[in-house]
Structure formats: C-alpha cells, structure tokens
Amino acid sequence: MARRNGQTDEAAPAPLAGLRVIDFTHVLAGPACAYFLGLLGAEVIKVESAGRGDAMRYRGGTDSARADAGMSTAYLTQAAGKKSVALDLECPNGREVMRRLIGSADILVENHRPETLTALGLDESFLRVLNPRLIHCAMTGYGRKGSLENAPAYDVNIQAACGLMTLTGTPESGPLRTGAPIMDYGTALAAGFAITAALHQRERSGQGTFVDVSMLETAFTLMSSTITDFFATGNAPAPRGNAANSRSPGAGNFPCKEGVLSLGVNEEHQFEALARVLGRAQWLTDPRFVDRRSRGVHSAVLENAIAEALLTRTAAQWEEEMLANGVPAACLRSLPESLALEQTATRRFLHHDGETGLTLPTLPFRIGEAATHAPVSPPPRLGENSAEVLAMLGYTVAEVDALCRSGAVSRPRTETTDLNALDH
C-alpha cells in the first residue's frame, strides 16, 4: 500500500497523508522525527550519503552482525516506512537531485550544523526561494544563533550540558546520565509537534516557514517544574535518588517481601486510601500524619512505617490492591517485563513485521479510531529506492543510469540483507 495514499489498517486517511518529507538526518533525533511523521501517513524519503549512508547503520545496539551489514538495531528503530536514496552531495549532479527533492517536498527535516547546510548551498534563504511552501525543520544541539549554533552535540552531551545529570543518582554516586537517549527522542517529539503546528499555520498563510529546534531547550522543557522552582526560590536542585519530586513521604520506591513498589501518594485522598489498604487506618487520626504539613514534619517516621508495612506482601500483590483502591502504584519492572505487560499488547504500541521479524516501537498516542500507527514497509537498504525516487522526480531511465555511473547517485548492492537470518 503506497504511503502517499496514507491509509491505515482501518482504511481511514492517515493525518499526514499526501505530504512528502525529505529526511536529511542522521544518528537518532532527526531520523526518529521523520519516522514519527511517516507513521502518521507522510511519505518519507531518506537522503543518505552515497557509499556509506547514515553512520547509525553501523553502530548502536548490541547486535554486531546487523551493524556489520549496515542494518544496526539503532538504525532499524526509526527507518521503517521510508524510502532511501543515496546521493553524493559533493558533486553538482547530486546537489541538483537534492534540490529537486526539496522542491517537491512539503517538509524538510535535517539535523546538520548551519555551516554544513551553507557549504552545501542549502541554507535557509536559498530554500525559501526554491520552495516557498516548504516547512524546513532544523534540529541542532543548541539552536540557531548564539556562540554554540555550530557546536556538535549528542544526547550524552546535552544531558551533561542541561543540568539533568546533576539531578540523577545520589550524592554518593555523583552525576549519572539516564539509561536511554531521552534527549534524542524528546527532541524528535518536540520537532514533530512544531512541524504539525507549522503545517497548520501554512494552511492559513499559504507560506512555509523555518522551524528551529534546540536539543538543549528540549531538555529544559523536560525539566520545566524544576526550573521554575529554582527561579522562584534560588535553591539549586540536588540529586535525590529515587525520591519523588513531590517530596511526599508516601512517594518513592519501597522494597517488599518480593520486588520493589513505587508509590506516588501525594494527595489527601490517596493517603487515606493507602492507610486503609495497608491496614493502618489509625494513621488517619494520628496527629503526626493527620495532614500534609504534619506528615512532612514526621516524614522519616512515616516512611519507615510504610516500608515496614509493605514488607509483609510482594510488590505484585500490593500493586493489584493499591490500583484497585485508587492508590498510584507500580511494580519496579525490567524492560522485558514491562514490554510483556498485557497493557502493552492491548495498546498495540509495538509493531511486529512478519517480513523482517523486527519488532519496532511506534507512537505513544492514537488519533481518532486508529488502533495503531504502524510503518507500511520495512527499513530500506542504503539507496534501495534511488531509481524509484529519481523516476518520481522526472528523471528518465537513461538519466538515472548516467547519474549512477557518475557516482552522483548510488543503488544498493545486488545482494540483499535477510534480517530474519540475522536473528540470534
């Protein structure tokens, strides 16, 4: 089923059906943004460098066989549903193909430094003339303007630069990065949000616009309440381990007879429910715990009492009873355990591709009656769709052959990569 038709498995038009995205990105944040747009129905054409392509094809994840084949798990995560065209942008013919692509597009997503775009002759002023209706989304570490606009940055650099690492861990452990590249994927979601807003603006004005997305500012956004508190109080935040931001004695992680339970008891009715579930109704009349202020004064005593009560049953038993009584609670789970939850299956967040054997994350939301937003094709090999895309742009077969012979465009090697054969 063609992506331009934008049909979901329910045969309803996808939200971004009919839009063309040029994905001139690499690593994680940019490719993820384009992947999300594709899941919502856009046609996504990924422009890669001739010869090697996106560097993420060869690194990331723990599967060296896939990485050696140019299909690493880090690449596969956000490559499905796209068409790959491989261009040499150092030569004039390659740049001309790129200009035609951008001229045909609704959206350009790129995460190169501004000086790189200028060197390629693809700076914002040129693109505005080339395609006045283009939504040009530029994703960089620190955003445009300022002394850092051309500074290279990865997820780990932004986690260090934004202050998040100083909040993670404990005073004993020192600063820690989060276990997953949340700045990359947070930035991808922020860019998708901005692009859809810009599309709505274009509907009214008829003109495209430039969207400037900063990884650093995305990180700040994810820390919004912490930042507001700092400016209001002057108190620089410190690492607090697993303690909740609410600083409530009923919020945090507690060991149980088996496993660990996370509680999020912050409101009066939640504390009342907690006391009853734990069989400690007397807490509700105890002067030390009768209201939020009193519980704060005697937080250490209350935390110890909660911890003692929770040791009598397993985390799984407590979770079931807590949720049944309106107490925010969750078992501490490993990633495999969480992915195996019935809730995960019901929501159809994971897409399993029978052709490749891949299981891929999709989108954390649903629009309308769609049961899922899933890719319509497996991740492409480097340059797999070069000839198809050039034909779509009006190049003849002879012209495509000439571009390939000159090296301006590359096609995939004749051998194919069987992703199922790479499964271990």
Protein backbone atom coordinates (compact mmCIF):
# COMPACT_ATOMS: atom_id res chain seq x y z
CA MET A 1 0.00 0.00 0.00
CA ALA A 2 1.55 3.31 -1.02
CA ARG A 3 2.43 5.70 1.72
CA ARG A 4 1.13 8.66 -0.31
CA ASN A 5 -2.33 7.10 -0.07
CA GLY A 6 -1.96 7.40 3.69
CA GLN A 7 -4.33 4.55 4.50
CA THR A 8 -4.24 2.85 7.90
CA ASP A 9 -5.32 -0.73 8.54
CA GLU A 10 -8.82 0.69 9.14
CA ALA A 11 -8.79 2.26 5.62
CA ALA A 12 -9.23 5.77 7.07
CA PRO A 13 -6.93 8.52 5.76
CA ALA A 14 -3.91 8.99 8.00
CA PRO A 15 -3.46 12.52 9.44
CA LEU A 16 -0.43 13.42 7.30
CA ALA A 17 -1.45 11.52 4.16
CA GLY A 18 -0.38 13.24 0.95
CA LEU A 19 2.58 15.08 2.49
CA ARG A 20 6.14 14.45 1.40
CA VAL A 21 9.01 14.60 3.91
CA ILE A 22 12.67 14.78 2.94
CA ASP A 23 14.61 13.16 5.77
CA PHE A 24 18.12 14.64 5.56
CA THR A 25 19.12 13.49 9.02
CA HIS A 26 21.44 11.13 10.83
CA VAL A 27 22.00 9.48 14.23
CA LEU A 28 18.76 9.29 16.32
CA ALA A 29 16.80 12.50 16.92
CA GLY A 30 16.33 13.54 13.30
CA PRO A 31 15.57 10.07 11.90
CA ALA A 32 13.11 9.49 14.76
CA CYS A 33 11.23 12.70 13.95
CA ALA A 34 10.86 11.68 10.29
CA TYR A 35 9.83 8.16 11.36
CA PHE A 36 7.05 9.60 13.52
CA LEU A 37 5.81 11.71 10.61
CA GLY A 38 5.82 8.60 8.44
CA LEU A 39 3.79 6.67 10.99
CA LEU A 40 1.16 9.38 10.65
CA GLY A 41 0.89 8.90 6.89
CA ALA A 42 3.56 11.11 5.32
CA GLU A 43 5.75 9.80 2.51
CA VAL A 44 9.32 9.91 3.85
CA ILE A 45 12.35 9.94 1.55
CA LYS A 46 15.59 9.46 3.45
CA VAL A 47 18.60 11.09 1.79
CA GLU A 48 21.85 9.35 2.68
CA SER A 49 25.42 9.81 1.55
CA ALA A 50 26.44 7.62 -1.36
CA GLY A 51 28.72 4.80 -0.30
CA ARG A 52 28.18 4.51 3.44
CA GLY A 53 24.93 6.24 4.31
CA ASP A 54 23.75 7.12 7.80
CA ALA A 55 26.53 6.28 10.26
CA MET A 56 23.95 4.76 12.60
CA ARG A 57 23.59 1.88 10.15
CA TYR A 58 26.88 0.58 11.53
CA ARG A 59 26.75 1.34 15.22
CA GLY A 60 24.49 1.24 18.21
CA GLY A 61 22.78 -1.66 19.93
CA THR A 62 24.33 -4.98 20.86
CA ASP A 63 23.93 -6.88 17.58
CA SER A 64 27.25 -6.69 15.74
CA ALA A 65 26.05 -8.87 12.84
CA ARG A 66 23.29 -6.42 11.95
CA ALA A 67 25.65 -3.46 12.38
CA ASP A 68 28.26 -5.03 10.09
CA ALA A 69 25.52 -5.45 7.47
CA GLY A 70 24.61 -1.75 7.71
CA MET A 71 21.32 -2.52 9.45
CA SER A 72 22.08 -1.95 13.13
CA THR A 73 19.24 -2.00 15.63
CA ALA A 74 19.83 1.71 16.29
CA TYR A 75 19.21 2.41 12.59
CA LEU A 76 16.31 -0.03 12.26
CA THR A 77 14.43 1.58 15.15
CA GLN A 78 13.45 4.62 13.11
CA ALA A 79 13.95 3.57 9.48
CA ALA A 80 10.82 1.59 8.65
CA GLY A 81 8.34 3.06 6.20
CA LYS A 82 10.98 5.21 4.49
CA LYS A 83 12.49 5.23 1.01
CA SER A 84 16.28 5.52 0.82
CA VAL A 85 18.07 7.48 -1.88
CA ALA A 86 21.87 7.69 -1.77
CA LEU A 87 23.40 10.90 -3.13
CA ASP A 88 26.87 12.38 -3.43
CA LEU A 89 26.21 15.97 -2.44
CA GLU A 90 29.81 16.93 -3.14
CA CYS A 91 29.14 16.78 -6.89
CA PRO A 92 26.85 19.13 -8.86
CA ASN A 93 24.55 16.39 -10.16
CA GLY A 94 23.98 15.05 -6.67
CA ARG A 95 23.13 18.53 -5.40
CA GLU A 96 20.73 19.02 -8.31
CA VAL A 97 18.85 15.84 -7.34
CA MET A 98 18.69 17.13 -3.76
CA ARG A 99 17.28 20.45 -4.94
CA ARG A 100 14.60 18.67 -6.95
CA LEU A 101 13.69 16.57 -3.95
CA ILE A 102 13.34 19.60 -1.70
CA GLY A 103 11.40 21.44 -4.39
CA SER A 104 8.86 18.60 -4.44
CA ALA A 105 8.52 18.37 -0.67
CA ASP A 106 6.21 19.70 1.99
CA ILE A 107 8.68 19.21 4.84
CA LEU A 108 12.46 19.06 5.12
CA VAL A 109 13.80 17.58 8.36
CA GLU A 110 17.55 17.97 8.89
CA ASN A 111 19.90 17.92 11.86
CA HIS A 112 23.12 19.29 10.40
CA ARG A 113 25.08 22.22 11.68
CA PRO A 114 24.17 25.51 9.92
CA GLU A 115 27.65 25.79 8.43
CA THR A 116 27.19 22.38 6.81
CA LEU A 117 23.96 23.48 5.11
CA THR A 118 25.64 26.67 3.90
CA ALA A 119 28.56 24.71 2.46
CA LEU A 120 26.11 22.55 0.52
CA GLY A 121 24.24 25.58 -0.81
CA LEU A 122 21.14 24.59 1.13
CA ASP A 123 20.90 27.43 3.63
CA GLU A 124 17.52 28.77 4.71
CA SER A 125 17.49 31.77 2.37
CA PHE A 126 18.07 29.57 -0.70
CA LEU A 127 15.46 27.01 0.35
CA ARG A 128 12.87 29.74 0.88
CA VAL A 129 13.24 30.78 -2.75
CA LEU A 130 13.43 27.16 -4.01
CA ASN A 131 10.21 26.12 -2.27
CA PRO A 132 8.20 28.91 -0.62
CA ARG A 133 5.72 26.39 0.89
CA LEU A 134 8.43 24.29 2.50
CA ILE A 135 8.38 23.61 6.24
CA HIS A 136 12.11 23.45 6.98
CA CYS A 137 12.77 21.89 10.38
CA ALA A 138 16.36 22.27 11.60
CA MET A 139 17.31 20.26 14.68
CA THR A 140 20.59 21.17 16.39
CA GLY A 141 22.18 20.76 19.78
CA TYR A 142 21.78 24.35 20.91
CA GLY A 143 19.51 26.02 18.35
CA ARG A 144 20.29 28.75 15.84
CA LYS A 145 22.09 31.96 16.78
CA GLY A 146 24.44 32.30 19.70
CA SER A 147 28.03 31.11 20.04
CA LEU A 148 27.03 27.43 20.12
CA GLU A 149 24.87 27.25 17.00
CA ASN A 150 27.52 25.22 15.14
CA ALA A 151 28.63 23.16 18.12
CA PRO A 152 28.32 19.38 17.60
CA ALA A 153 26.26 17.61 20.24
CA TYR A 154 24.93 14.16 21.01
CA ASP A 155 22.36 13.06 23.58
CA VAL A 156 25.00 12.48 26.26
CA ASN A 157 26.46 15.96 25.71
CA ILE A 158 23.07 17.62 26.15
CA GLN A 159 22.32 15.57 29.26
CA ALA A 160 25.57 16.91 30.70
CA ALA A 161 25.06 20.48 29.49
CA CYS A 162 21.46 20.95 30.66
CA GLY A 163 21.97 20.02 34.31
CA LEU A 164 19.90 16.85 34.24
CA MET A 165 22.83 14.61 35.08
CA THR A 166 23.44 16.53 38.30
CA LEU A 167 19.88 15.67 39.37
CA THR A 168 20.17 11.97 38.59
CA GLY A 169 21.65 9.47 41.01
CA THR A 170 22.59 10.17 44.60
CA PRO A 171 25.18 12.31 46.38
CA GLU A 172 27.26 9.13 46.69
CA SER A 173 27.03 8.09 43.03
CA GLY A 174 27.62 11.52 41.58
CA PRO A 175 26.04 12.70 38.31
CA LEU A 176 24.53 9.99 36.09
CA ARG A 177 23.09 10.02 32.59
CA THR A 178 19.74 8.41 32.04
CA GLY A 179 19.85 4.82 30.81
CA ALA A 180 18.27 5.65 27.42
CA PRO A 181 18.83 8.54 24.95
CA ILE A 182 15.81 10.51 26.13
CA MET A 183 17.09 13.83 24.78
CA ASP A 184 17.22 12.42 21.26
CA TYR A 185 13.68 11.07 21.36
CA GLY A 186 12.36 14.03 23.34
CA THR A 187 13.76 16.34 20.67
CA ALA A 188 12.19 14.19 17.93
CA LEU A 189 8.77 14.55 19.55
CA ALA A 190 9.27 18.31 20.06
CA ALA A 191 10.18 18.69 16.38
CA GLY A 192 7.14 16.70 15.29
CA PHE A 193 4.92 18.93 17.45
CA ALA A 194 6.49 22.04 15.90
CA ILE A 195 6.16 20.73 12.34
CA THR A 196 2.46 19.97 12.70
CA ALA A 197 1.90 23.45 14.14
CA ALA A 198 3.78 24.95 11.18
CA LEU A 199 1.63 22.94 8.76
CA HIS A 200 -1.48 24.39 10.37
CA GLN A 201 -0.01 27.87 10.00
CA ARG A 202 0.71 27.16 6.32
CA GLU A 203 -2.94 26.26 5.77
CA ARG A 204 -3.86 29.83 6.74
CA SER A 205 -0.95 31.75 5.20
CA GLY A 206 -0.08 29.61 2.18
CA GLN A 207 3.58 30.06 3.06
CA GLY A 208 6.13 27.70 4.54
CA THR A 209 8.35 28.57 7.48
CA PHE A 210 11.55 27.73 9.29
CA VAL A 211 11.34 25.60 12.44
CA ASP A 212 14.33 25.88 14.78
CA VAL A 213 14.51 23.02 17.33
CA SER A 214 17.07 23.01 20.13
CA MET A 215 18.04 19.83 21.99
CA LEU A 216 19.17 21.93 24.96
CA GLU A 217 15.84 23.73 25.18
CA THR A 218 14.01 20.42 24.81
CA ALA A 219 15.96 19.23 27.83
CA PHE A 220 14.98 22.38 29.72
CA THR A 221 11.34 21.77 28.78
CA LEU A 222 11.52 18.27 30.25
CA MET A 223 12.77 19.89 33.46
CA SER A 224 10.19 22.70 33.49
CA SER A 225 8.88 22.45 37.06
CA THR A 226 12.43 22.12 38.41
CA ILE A 227 13.49 25.26 36.56
CA THR A 228 10.50 27.25 37.81
CA ASP A 229 11.23 26.21 41.39
CA PHE A 230 14.86 27.26 41.06
CA PHE A 231 14.00 30.75 39.84
CA ALA A 232 11.28 31.16 42.46
CA THR A 233 13.37 30.00 45.41
CA GLY A 234 17.01 30.26 44.37
CA ASN A 235 17.50 26.69 45.55
CA ALA A 236 19.65 24.72 43.13
CA PRO A 237 18.24 21.17 42.86
CA ALA A 238 20.30 18.30 44.20
CA PRO A 239 20.26 14.57 43.40
CA ARG A 240 17.60 12.76 45.40
CA GLY A 241 17.91 9.19 44.17
CA ASN A 242 14.50 7.55 43.81
CA ALA A 243 12.64 10.10 45.92
CA ALA A 244 9.76 11.74 44.04
CA ASN A 245 9.81 15.42 43.11
CA SER A 246 6.75 15.97 45.29
CA ARG A 247 8.91 15.26 48.37
CA SER A 248 5.94 13.45 49.87
CA PRO A 249 6.87 10.67 52.34
CA GLY A 250 4.33 8.49 50.53
CA ALA A 251 6.06 8.87 47.17
CA GLY A 252 9.11 6.81 46.30
CA ASN A 253 10.35 3.26 45.94
CA PHE A 254 9.86 0.73 48.72
CA PRO A 255 11.17 -2.86 48.99
CA CYS A 256 8.51 -5.51 49.55
CA LYS A 257 8.53 -9.17 50.56
CA GLU A 258 9.47 -9.73 46.92
CA GLY A 259 10.24 -6.96 44.47
CA VAL A 260 10.05 -3.18 44.78
CA LEU A 261 6.93 -0.99 44.73
CA SER A 262 6.84 2.60 43.52
CA LEU A 263 4.26 4.74 45.31
CA GLY A 264 3.01 8.15 44.20
CA VAL A 265 0.89 9.16 47.18
CA ASN A 266 0.69 12.96 47.05
CA GLU A 267 -2.95 13.90 47.71
CA GLU A 268 -5.08 13.59 50.85
CA HIS A 269 -7.49 11.05 49.37
CA GLN A 270 -4.56 8.97 48.17
CA PHE A 271 -3.02 8.90 51.65
CA GLU A 272 -6.35 7.89 53.14
CA ALA A 273 -6.64 5.04 50.64
CA LEU A 274 -3.04 3.97 51.30
CA ALA A 275 -3.61 3.81 55.04
CA ARG A 276 -6.68 1.62 54.60
CA VAL A 277 -5.02 -0.71 52.06
CA LEU A 278 -2.08 -1.19 54.43
CA GLY A 279 -4.44 -1.85 57.35
CA ARG A 280 -3.23 1.28 59.12
CA ALA A 281 -6.45 3.30 59.44
CA GLN A 282 -5.15 4.67 62.74
CA TRP A 283 -2.76 6.88 60.74
CA LEU A 284 -5.74 8.99 59.71
CA THR A 285 -6.25 10.23 63.26
CA ASP A 286 -2.59 10.21 64.33
CA PRO A 287 -1.57 13.87 64.92
CA ARG A 288 1.76 13.19 63.21
CA PHE A 289 0.07 12.18 59.96
CA VAL A 290 -3.28 13.98 60.04
CA ASP A 291 -2.43 16.42 57.24
CA ARG A 292 0.24 17.10 54.65
CA ARG A 293 2.19 19.54 56.80
CA SER A 294 2.29 17.13 59.74
CA ARG A 295 3.38 14.29 57.51
CA GLY A 296 6.19 16.48 56.19
CA VAL A 297 7.45 17.20 59.71
CA HIS A 298 7.39 13.50 60.57
CA SER A 299 8.34 12.21 57.12
CA ALA A 300 11.11 9.88 58.32
CA VAL A 301 8.76 8.18 60.78
CA LEU A 302 6.04 7.78 58.17
CA GLU A 303 8.41 6.47 55.50
CA ASN A 304 9.70 3.83 57.94
CA ALA A 305 6.15 2.84 58.84
CA ILE A 306 5.15 2.47 55.19
CA ALA A 307 8.28 0.47 54.45
CA GLU A 308 7.61 -1.88 57.36
CA ALA A 309 4.00 -2.49 56.25
CA LEU A 310 4.97 -3.19 52.65
CA LEU A 311 7.41 -5.94 53.64
CA THR A 312 4.51 -8.23 54.51
CA ARG A 313 3.48 -8.89 50.87
CA THR A 314 5.00 -8.98 47.39
CA ALA A 315 5.15 -5.92 45.16
CA ALA A 316 2.82 -7.60 42.67
CA GLN A 317 0.20 -8.26 45.36
CA TRP A 318 0.42 -4.71 46.65
CA GLU A 319 0.23 -3.22 43.15
CA GLU A 320 -3.01 -5.03 42.38
CA GLU A 321 -4.66 -3.95 45.62
CA MET A 322 -3.31 -0.39 45.51
CA LEU A 323 -4.58 0.23 41.99
CA ALA A 324 -7.96 -1.29 42.82
CA ASN A 325 -8.28 1.30 45.60
CA GLY A 326 -7.04 4.33 43.68
CA VAL A 327 -3.50 4.45 45.07
CA PRO A 328 -0.89 5.37 42.41
CA ALA A 329 1.49 2.41 42.49
CA ALA A 330 3.63 0.33 40.15
CA CYS A 331 5.99 -2.59 40.47
CA LEU A 332 9.59 -1.90 39.58
CA ARG A 333 9.95 -3.85 36.33
CA SER A 334 12.75 -4.62 33.92
CA LEU A 335 12.27 -3.55 30.30
CA PRO A 336 11.43 -7.11 29.16
CA GLU A 337 8.85 -7.40 31.94
CA SER A 338 7.27 -4.08 31.02
CA LEU A 339 7.13 -4.89 27.31
CA ALA A 340 5.38 -8.16 28.18
CA LEU A 341 2.53 -6.40 30.02
CA GLU A 342 -0.96 -7.10 28.76
CA GLN A 343 -1.49 -3.33 28.58
CA THR A 344 1.37 -3.01 26.07
CA ALA A 345 -0.20 -5.66 23.85
CA THR A 346 -3.68 -4.13 24.12
CA ARG A 347 -2.44 -0.73 23.02
CA ARG A 348 -0.56 -2.22 20.04
CA PHE A 349 2.37 0.10 20.68
CA LEU A 350 4.79 -2.49 19.31
CA HIS A 351 4.66 -3.33 15.62
CA HIS A 352 5.87 -6.78 14.58
CA ASP A 353 6.89 -7.05 10.93
CA GLY A 354 6.36 -10.57 9.66
CA GLU A 355 8.59 -9.97 6.65
CA THR A 356 11.69 -8.96 8.60
CA GLY A 357 10.97 -10.43 12.01
CA LEU A 358 11.53 -6.99 13.55
CA THR A 359 9.54 -5.64 16.48
CA LEU A 360 9.54 -1.84 16.46
CA PRO A 361 8.20 0.90 18.76
CA THR A 362 5.57 3.15 17.17
CA LEU A 363 3.80 6.20 18.64
CA PRO A 364 2.63 6.85 22.21
CA PHE A 365 -0.78 8.12 21.08
CA ARG A 366 -3.68 7.24 18.80
CA ILE A 367 -5.65 9.64 16.61
CA GLY A 368 -9.33 9.01 16.01
CA GLU A 369 -10.30 5.39 15.51
CA ALA A 370 -6.85 4.16 14.51
CA ALA A 371 -5.92 1.07 16.52
CA THR A 372 -2.26 1.72 15.85
CA HIS A 373 0.06 3.87 13.74
CA ALA A 374 2.45 1.41 12.12
CA PRO A 375 5.01 1.60 9.29
CA VAL A 376 3.92 0.23 5.92
CA SER A 377 7.31 -1.06 4.77
CA PRO A 378 10.48 -2.47 6.37
CA PRO A 379 13.65 -0.38 6.84
CA PRO A 380 15.36 0.16 3.47
CA ARG A 381 18.86 -0.81 2.48
CA LEU A 382 21.15 2.07 1.54
CA GLY A 383 19.97 3.52 -1.77
CA GLU A 384 17.27 0.88 -2.13
CA ASN A 385 14.81 3.34 -3.63
CA SER A 386 17.21 5.60 -5.54
CA ALA A 387 15.93 4.67 -9.00
CA GLU A 388 12.30 4.83 -7.88
CA VAL A 389 12.70 8.27 -6.32
CA LEU A 390 14.55 9.70 -9.31
CA ALA A 391 11.86 8.42 -11.66
CA MET A 392 9.29 10.08 -9.43
CA LEU A 393 11.21 13.36 -9.87
CA GLY A 394 11.01 13.05 -13.65
CA TYR A 395 14.40 11.53 -14.49
CA THR A 396 14.40 9.10 -17.40
CA VAL A 397 15.86 5.62 -17.17
CA ALA A 398 18.87 6.77 -19.20
CA GLU A 399 19.41 9.76 -16.91
CA VAL A 400 19.19 7.57 -13.81
CA ASP A 401 21.76 5.18 -15.27
CA ALA A 402 24.06 8.09 -16.08
CA LEU A 403 23.76 9.50 -12.55
CA CYS A 404 24.58 6.12 -11.09
CA ARG A 405 27.58 5.63 -13.38
CA SER A 406 28.90 9.06 -12.42
CA GLY A 407 28.62 8.29 -8.71
CA ALA A 408 26.20 11.14 -8.04
CA VAL A 409 23.60 8.53 -7.08
CA SER A 410 24.16 5.02 -5.81
CA ARG A 411 21.95 1.96 -5.93
CA PRO A 412 22.09 -0.88 -3.42
CA ARG A 413 24.43 -3.78 -3.99
CA THR A 414 22.78 -6.75 -5.69
CA GLU A 415 22.93 -8.92 -2.57
CA THR A 416 20.19 -8.36 -0.03
CA THR A 417 20.28 -8.38 3.74
CA ASP A 418 17.98 -11.00 5.23
CA LEU A 419 17.11 -9.53 8.61
CA ASN A 420 15.46 -12.76 9.71
CA ALA A 421 18.72 -14.60 9.07
CA LEU A 422 20.49 -12.20 11.42
CA ASP A 423 18.23 -13.12 14.35
CA HIS A 424 20.00 -14.88 17.17
